[in-house]
């Protein structure tokens, strides 16, 4: 499952370039209140992108809300 899919149905457009991970810019497109510091806290391996496990961990920790499945 890609991060966009983990984030809920209808959110597949979050991964704008389709590379299977989310950049700060892609996250900010959906969560504009996310700062670089917030993103760095979610980026557990420090690679500059959020993979599925990091998105799930961020949601579980309350750092990123799971969008509704409208």
Protein backbone atom coordinates (compact mmCIF):
# COMPACT_ATOMS: atom_id res chain seq x y z
CA UNK A 1 0.00 0.00 0.00
CA UNK A 2 1.37 3.41 -0.91
CA UNK A 3 1.30 6.29 1.58
CA UNK A 4 -1.49 7.95 -0.36
CA UNK A 5 -3.63 4.84 -0.04
CA UNK A 6 -2.77 4.50 3.63
CA UNK A 7 -4.01 8.03 4.12
CA UNK A 8 -7.49 7.12 2.97
CA UNK A 9 -9.51 6.62 -0.16
CA UNK A 10 -9.70 9.69 -2.36
CA UNK A 11 -6.24 10.80 -1.25
CA UNK A 12 -4.27 9.14 -4.06
CA UNK A 13 -3.60 12.56 -5.54
CA UNK A 14 -1.43 13.32 -2.48
CA UNK A 15 1.47 11.47 -4.11
CA UNK A 16 1.59 13.96 -6.96
CA UNK A 17 4.58 12.46 -8.76
CA UNK A 18 3.55 8.83 -8.20
CA UNK A 19 6.86 7.77 -6.65
CA UNK A 20 5.22 5.94 -3.73
CA UNK A 21 6.47 8.32 -1.03
CA UNK A 22 5.38 11.76 0.13
CA UNK A 23 7.56 14.86 0.04
CA UNK A 24 7.08 17.85 2.32
CA UNK A 25 5.40 19.70 -0.55
CA UNK A 26 2.97 16.83 -1.18
CA UNK A 27 2.07 16.66 2.51
CA UNK A 28 1.63 20.44 2.70
CA UNK A 29 -0.75 20.33 -0.27
CA UNK A 30 -3.17 18.35 1.92
CA UNK A 31 -2.03 19.54 5.36
CA UNK A 32 -0.88 23.16 4.80
CA UNK A 33 -0.24 23.60 8.52
CA UNK A 34 2.59 21.01 8.40
CA UNK A 35 5.94 22.68 9.02
CA UNK A 36 9.36 21.42 7.97
CA UNK A 37 9.99 20.57 11.63
CA UNK A 38 6.75 18.53 11.75
CA UNK A 39 7.75 16.72 8.57
CA UNK A 40 11.23 15.98 9.93
CA UNK A 41 9.63 14.46 13.05
CA UNK A 42 7.52 12.18 10.84
CA UNK A 43 10.45 11.26 8.56
CA UNK A 44 11.81 8.55 10.84
CA UNK A 45 14.66 7.44 8.56
CA UNK A 46 15.64 10.99 7.55
CA UNK A 47 15.48 10.36 3.81
CA UNK A 48 13.37 13.43 3.06
CA UNK A 49 10.24 11.46 2.18
CA UNK A 50 7.47 9.67 4.03
CA UNK A 51 6.88 6.05 3.15
CA UNK A 52 3.80 4.03 4.11
CA UNK A 53 5.19 3.00 7.51
CA UNK A 54 6.11 6.60 8.36
CA UNK A 55 2.67 7.88 7.33
CA UNK A 56 1.02 5.22 9.47
CA UNK A 57 3.32 5.98 12.41
CA UNK A 58 2.60 9.71 12.08
CA UNK A 59 -1.14 9.03 12.07
CA UNK A 60 -0.87 6.66 15.05
CA UNK A 61 1.15 9.29 16.96
CA UNK A 62 -1.39 12.01 16.14
CA UNK A 63 1.14 13.97 14.07
CA UNK A 64 -0.96 13.61 10.92
CA UNK A 65 -4.72 13.26 10.84
CA UNK A 66 -6.12 10.59 8.60
CA UNK A 67 -8.28 12.38 6.04
CA UNK A 68 -11.91 11.40 5.79
CA UNK A 69 -12.87 8.96 3.04
CA UNK A 70 -15.44 11.33 1.55
